[in-house]
Amino acid sequence: MPKDEQQKKRIILKIMGEEYVLRSSTPPEHMLEVGEHVNQIMEDLAEKHPTMSRQKIAVLASLNLASDLLEYEREKKSNRKKSSKAQKKTGE
């Protein structure tokens, strides 16, 4: 068995009442937090749209998470540029 496979831990996440068994080398605490976050987003969407299918709720949750990630990455990139400019100014 490859070394990275040996280090993977089995974790069970419960999302909208369904259990998902994952194997990951990521710390279990982090994976549980991720699962709770996804579950909360999906539960909120299900509450707002009670007739929507689970599949559509999952897609909307994915889109929301992807949007948040892209926004975070843009802000991070912008902050790096600002920091770089500030360092150049103080270095002149």
N, C-alpha and C. Protein backbone atom coordinates (compact mmCIF):
# COMPACT_ATOMS: atom_id res chain seq x y z
N MET A 1 0.85 -1.18 0.00
CA MET A 1 0.00 0.00 0.00
C MET A 1 0.90 1.25 0.00
N PRO A 2 0.62 2.23 -0.88
CA PRO A 2 1.42 3.45 -0.92
C PRO A 2 1.36 4.18 0.42
N LYS A 3 2.46 4.89 0.73
CA LYS A 3 2.57 5.58 2.02
C LYS A 3 1.42 6.57 2.24
N ASP A 4 1.06 7.34 1.21
CA ASP A 4 -0.01 8.34 1.38
C ASP A 4 -1.35 7.67 1.66
N GLU A 5 -1.57 6.45 1.16
CA GLU A 5 -2.80 5.71 1.44
C GLU A 5 -2.85 5.28 2.91
N GLN A 6 -1.68 4.95 3.47
CA GLN A 6 -1.62 4.52 4.86
C GLN A 6 -1.97 5.67 5.80
N GLN A 7 -1.66 6.90 5.41
CA GLN A 7 -1.88 8.05 6.28
C GLN A 7 -3.31 8.58 6.19
N LYS A 8 -4.08 8.11 5.24
CA LYS A 8 -5.46 8.58 5.09
C LYS A 8 -6.32 8.00 6.20
N LYS A 9 -7.17 8.87 6.73
CA LYS A 9 -8.08 8.45 7.78
C LYS A 9 -9.51 8.42 7.23
N ARG A 10 -10.28 7.50 7.76
CA ARG A 10 -11.68 7.35 7.35
C ARG A 10 -12.52 8.26 8.22
N ILE A 11 -13.42 8.99 7.59
CA ILE A 11 -14.30 9.89 8.33
C ILE A 11 -15.70 9.80 7.72
N ILE A 12 -16.70 9.92 8.56
CA ILE A 12 -18.08 9.89 8.09
C ILE A 12 -18.69 11.27 8.31
N LEU A 13 -19.17 11.86 7.22
CA LEU A 13 -19.84 13.15 7.29
C LEU A 13 -21.32 12.93 7.06
N LYS A 14 -22.14 13.69 7.76
CA LYS A 14 -23.58 13.62 7.57
C LYS A 14 -24.03 14.95 6.98
N ILE A 15 -24.55 14.88 5.76
CA ILE A 15 -25.01 16.08 5.07
C ILE A 15 -26.46 15.85 4.64
N MET A 16 -27.32 16.71 5.14
CA MET A 16 -28.77 16.61 4.88
C MET A 16 -29.30 15.20 5.14
N GLY A 17 -28.85 14.62 6.25
CA GLY A 17 -29.35 13.32 6.66
C GLY A 17 -28.68 12.13 5.97
N GLU A 18 -27.83 12.38 5.00
CA GLU A 18 -27.14 11.29 4.29
C GLU A 18 -25.71 11.16 4.81
N GLU A 19 -25.25 9.94 4.97
CA GLU A 19 -23.88 9.72 5.41
C GLU A 19 -22.95 9.56 4.22
N TYR A 20 -21.80 10.21 4.31
CA TYR A 20 -20.76 10.13 3.28
C TYR A 20 -19.48 9.67 3.95
N VAL A 21 -18.93 8.56 3.47
CA VAL A 21 -17.69 8.03 4.01
C VAL A 21 -16.55 8.53 3.13
N LEU A 22 -15.61 9.23 3.77
CA LEU A 22 -14.46 9.78 3.05
C LEU A 22 -13.18 9.22 3.62
N ARG A 23 -12.16 9.18 2.78
CA ARG A 23 -10.80 8.85 3.22
C ARG A 23 -9.94 10.03 2.82
N SER A 24 -9.25 10.60 3.82
CA SER A 24 -8.48 11.80 3.55
C SER A 24 -7.28 11.88 4.49
N SER A 25 -6.21 12.49 3.99
CA SER A 25 -5.05 12.74 4.83
C SER A 25 -5.19 14.08 5.55
N THR A 26 -6.24 14.83 5.22
CA THR A 26 -6.55 16.08 5.91
C THR A 26 -6.98 15.76 7.34
N PRO A 27 -6.60 16.59 8.31
CA PRO A 27 -7.01 16.30 9.69
C PRO A 27 -8.53 16.11 9.80
N PRO A 28 -8.97 15.10 10.54
CA PRO A 28 -10.40 14.82 10.66
C PRO A 28 -11.21 16.02 11.17
N GLU A 29 -10.63 16.81 12.07
CA GLU A 29 -11.33 17.98 12.60
C GLU A 29 -11.68 18.95 11.48
N HIS A 30 -10.75 19.12 10.55
CA HIS A 30 -10.98 20.02 9.42
C HIS A 30 -12.09 19.48 8.53
N MET A 31 -12.03 18.18 8.24
CA MET A 31 -13.05 17.58 7.39
C MET A 31 -14.43 17.67 8.03
N LEU A 32 -14.50 17.48 9.35
CA LEU A 32 -15.79 17.62 10.05
C LEU A 32 -16.31 19.05 9.93
N GLU A 33 -15.40 20.02 10.07
CA GLU A 33 -15.80 21.42 9.94
C GLU A 33 -16.30 21.71 8.53
N VAL A 34 -15.62 21.17 7.53
CA VAL A 34 -16.05 21.34 6.14
C VAL A 34 -17.43 20.73 5.94
N GLY A 35 -17.63 19.52 6.44
CA GLY A 35 -18.91 18.85 6.31
C GLY A 35 -20.03 19.64 6.99
N GLU A 36 -19.76 20.18 8.17
CA GLU A 36 -20.76 20.97 8.88
C GLU A 36 -21.10 22.24 8.10
N HIS A 37 -20.07 22.85 7.49
CA HIS A 37 -20.29 24.07 6.70
C HIS A 37 -21.16 23.77 5.48
N VAL A 38 -20.83 22.72 4.77
CA VAL A 38 -21.61 22.33 3.59
C VAL A 38 -23.04 21.98 4.00
N ASN A 39 -23.18 21.22 5.08
CA ASN A 39 -24.50 20.85 5.56
C ASN A 39 -25.32 22.10 5.88
N GLN A 40 -24.73 23.06 6.56
CA GLN A 40 -25.45 24.28 6.93
C GLN A 40 -25.91 25.04 5.69
N ILE A 41 -25.03 25.16 4.71
CA ILE A 41 -25.40 25.86 3.47
C ILE A 41 -26.57 25.14 2.79
N MET A 42 -26.48 23.83 2.69
CA MET A 42 -27.52 23.07 2.02
C MET A 42 -28.84 23.10 2.80
N GLU A 43 -28.76 23.01 4.13
CA GLU A 43 -29.98 23.08 4.95
C GLU A 43 -30.64 24.45 4.80
N ASP A 44 -29.83 25.52 4.77
CA ASP A 44 -30.38 26.87 4.58
C ASP A 44 -31.08 26.99 3.22
N LEU A 45 -30.44 26.47 2.19
CA LEU A 45 -31.05 26.51 0.85
C LEU A 45 -32.34 25.69 0.81
N ALA A 46 -32.33 24.52 1.44
CA ALA A 46 -33.52 23.66 1.46
C ALA A 46 -34.68 24.35 2.18
N GLU A 47 -34.34 25.10 3.22
CA GLU A 47 -35.37 25.83 3.97
C GLU A 47 -35.97 26.95 3.12
N LYS A 48 -35.11 27.64 2.36
CA LYS A 48 -35.58 28.74 1.51
C LYS A 48 -36.33 28.24 0.29
N HIS A 49 -35.98 27.03 -0.18
CA HIS A 49 -36.57 26.47 -1.40
C HIS A 49 -37.06 25.04 -1.10
N PRO A 50 -38.16 24.91 -0.37
CA PRO A 50 -38.60 23.59 0.09
C PRO A 50 -38.98 22.60 -1.02
N THR A 51 -39.30 23.08 -2.20
CA THR A 51 -39.69 22.16 -3.27
C THR A 51 -38.51 21.79 -4.18
N MET A 52 -37.35 22.37 -3.93
CA MET A 52 -36.18 22.12 -4.78
C MET A 52 -35.57 20.75 -4.48
N SER A 53 -35.13 20.06 -5.51
CA SER A 53 -34.52 18.74 -5.34
C SER A 53 -33.16 18.86 -4.64
N ARG A 54 -32.75 17.76 -4.02
CA ARG A 54 -31.44 17.73 -3.35
C ARG A 54 -30.31 18.00 -4.35
N GLN A 55 -30.47 17.50 -5.56
CA GLN A 55 -29.45 17.70 -6.57
C GLN A 55 -29.28 19.19 -6.88
N LYS A 56 -30.39 19.89 -7.04
CA LYS A 56 -30.31 21.33 -7.32
C LYS A 56 -29.77 22.09 -6.12
N ILE A 57 -30.15 21.66 -4.93
CA ILE A 57 -29.61 22.29 -3.72
C ILE A 57 -28.09 22.10 -3.68
N ALA A 58 -27.62 20.91 -4.01
CA ALA A 58 -26.18 20.64 -4.01
C ALA A 58 -25.46 21.51 -5.04
N VAL A 59 -26.06 21.67 -6.22
CA VAL A 59 -25.45 22.52 -7.25
C VAL A 59 -25.41 23.97 -6.79
N LEU A 60 -26.50 24.47 -6.22
CA LEU A 60 -26.52 25.85 -5.72
C LEU A 60 -25.49 26.04 -4.61
N ALA A 61 -25.39 25.08 -3.71
CA ALA A 61 -24.39 25.17 -2.64
C ALA A 61 -22.98 25.21 -3.23
N SER A 62 -22.73 24.39 -4.24
CA SER A 62 -21.42 24.38 -4.90
C SER A 62 -21.12 25.72 -5.55
N LEU A 63 -22.13 26.29 -6.21
CA LEU A 63 -21.95 27.60 -6.84
C LEU A 63 -21.67 28.68 -5.80
N ASN A 64 -22.39 28.64 -4.69
CA ASN A 64 -22.16 29.61 -3.61
C ASN A 64 -20.75 29.49 -3.05
N LEU A 65 -20.31 28.25 -2.80
CA LEU A 65 -18.97 28.03 -2.27
C LEU A 65 -17.90 28.45 -3.27
N ALA A 66 -18.10 28.14 -4.54
CA ALA A 66 -17.13 28.53 -5.57
C ALA A 66 -17.06 30.05 -5.69
N SER A 67 -18.20 30.72 -5.61
CA SER A 67 -18.24 32.17 -5.66
C SER A 67 -17.46 32.77 -4.48
N ASP A 68 -17.69 32.23 -3.29
CA ASP A 68 -16.97 32.70 -2.10
C ASP A 68 -15.47 32.50 -2.25
N LEU A 69 -15.07 31.35 -2.77
CA LEU A 69 -13.65 31.06 -2.96
C LEU A 69 -13.02 32.01 -3.97
N LEU A 70 -13.68 32.25 -5.09
CA LEU A 70 -13.14 33.16 -6.09
C LEU A 70 -13.01 34.58 -5.53
N GLU A 71 -14.00 35.01 -4.77
CA GLU A 71 -13.95 36.34 -4.16
C GLU A 71 -12.77 36.43 -3.19
N TYR A 72 -12.59 35.40 -2.39
CA TYR A 72 -11.47 35.35 -1.45
C TYR A 72 -10.13 35.42 -2.19
N GLU A 73 -10.01 34.65 -3.27
CA GLU A 73 -8.76 34.63 -4.03
C GLU A 73 -8.48 35.99 -4.67
N ARG A 74 -9.52 36.67 -5.17
CA ARG A 74 -9.35 38.01 -5.73
C ARG A 74 -8.87 38.99 -4.67
N GLU A 75 -9.49 38.94 -3.49
CA GLU A 75 -9.09 39.82 -2.40
C GLU A 75 -7.65 39.56 -1.98
N LYS A 76 -7.29 38.29 -1.90
CA LYS A 76 -5.94 37.91 -1.52
C LYS A 76 -4.92 38.44 -2.54
N LYS A 77 -5.24 38.29 -3.82
CA LYS A 77 -4.37 38.77 -4.88
C LYS A 77 -4.25 40.29 -4.83
N SER A 78 -5.36 40.97 -4.61
CA SER A 78 -5.37 42.43 -4.51
C SER A 78 -4.55 42.89 -3.32
N ASN A 79 -4.68 42.21 -2.19
CA ASN A 79 -3.91 42.56 -1.00
C ASN A 79 -2.42 42.35 -1.20
N ARG A 80 -2.05 41.31 -1.94
CA ARG A 80 -0.63 41.07 -2.24
C ARG A 80 -0.07 42.19 -3.09
N LYS A 81 -0.86 42.63 -4.08
CA LYS A 81 -0.42 43.73 -4.94
C LYS A 81 -0.24 45.00 -4.14
N LYS A 82 -1.20 45.30 -3.26
CA LYS A 82 -1.11 46.49 -2.41
C LYS A 82 0.11 46.41 -1.50
N SER A 83 0.35 45.25 -0.94
CA SER A 83 1.49 45.05 -0.05
C SER A 83 2.80 45.22 -0.81
N SER A 84 2.83 44.69 -2.01
CA SER A 84 4.03 44.79 -2.85
C SER A 84 4.32 46.25 -3.20
N LYS A 85 3.27 47.00 -3.56
CA LYS A 85 3.43 48.42 -3.89
C LYS A 85 3.91 49.20 -2.67
N ALA A 86 3.35 48.89 -1.51
CA ALA A 86 3.75 49.58 -0.28
C ALA A 86 5.21 49.28 0.07
N GLN A 87 5.64 48.07 -0.16
CA GLN A 87 7.04 47.70 0.12
C GLN A 87 7.97 48.42 -0.84
N LYS A 88 7.56 48.55 -2.10
CA LYS A 88 8.39 49.25 -3.08
C LYS A 88 8.52 50.72 -2.70
N LYS A 89 7.42 51.33 -2.25
CA LYS A 89 7.44 52.75 -1.87
C LYS A 89 8.35 52.98 -0.67
N THR A 90 8.29 52.09 0.32
CA THR A 90 9.14 52.27 1.50
C THR A 90 10.59 51.92 1.22
N GLY A 91 10.81 51.18 0.17
CA GLY A 91 12.16 50.78 -0.20
C GLY A 91 12.84 51.80 -1.10
N GLU A 92 12.13 52.77 -1.59
CA GLU A 92 12.71 53.76 -2.51
C GLU A 92 13.57 54.75 -1.81
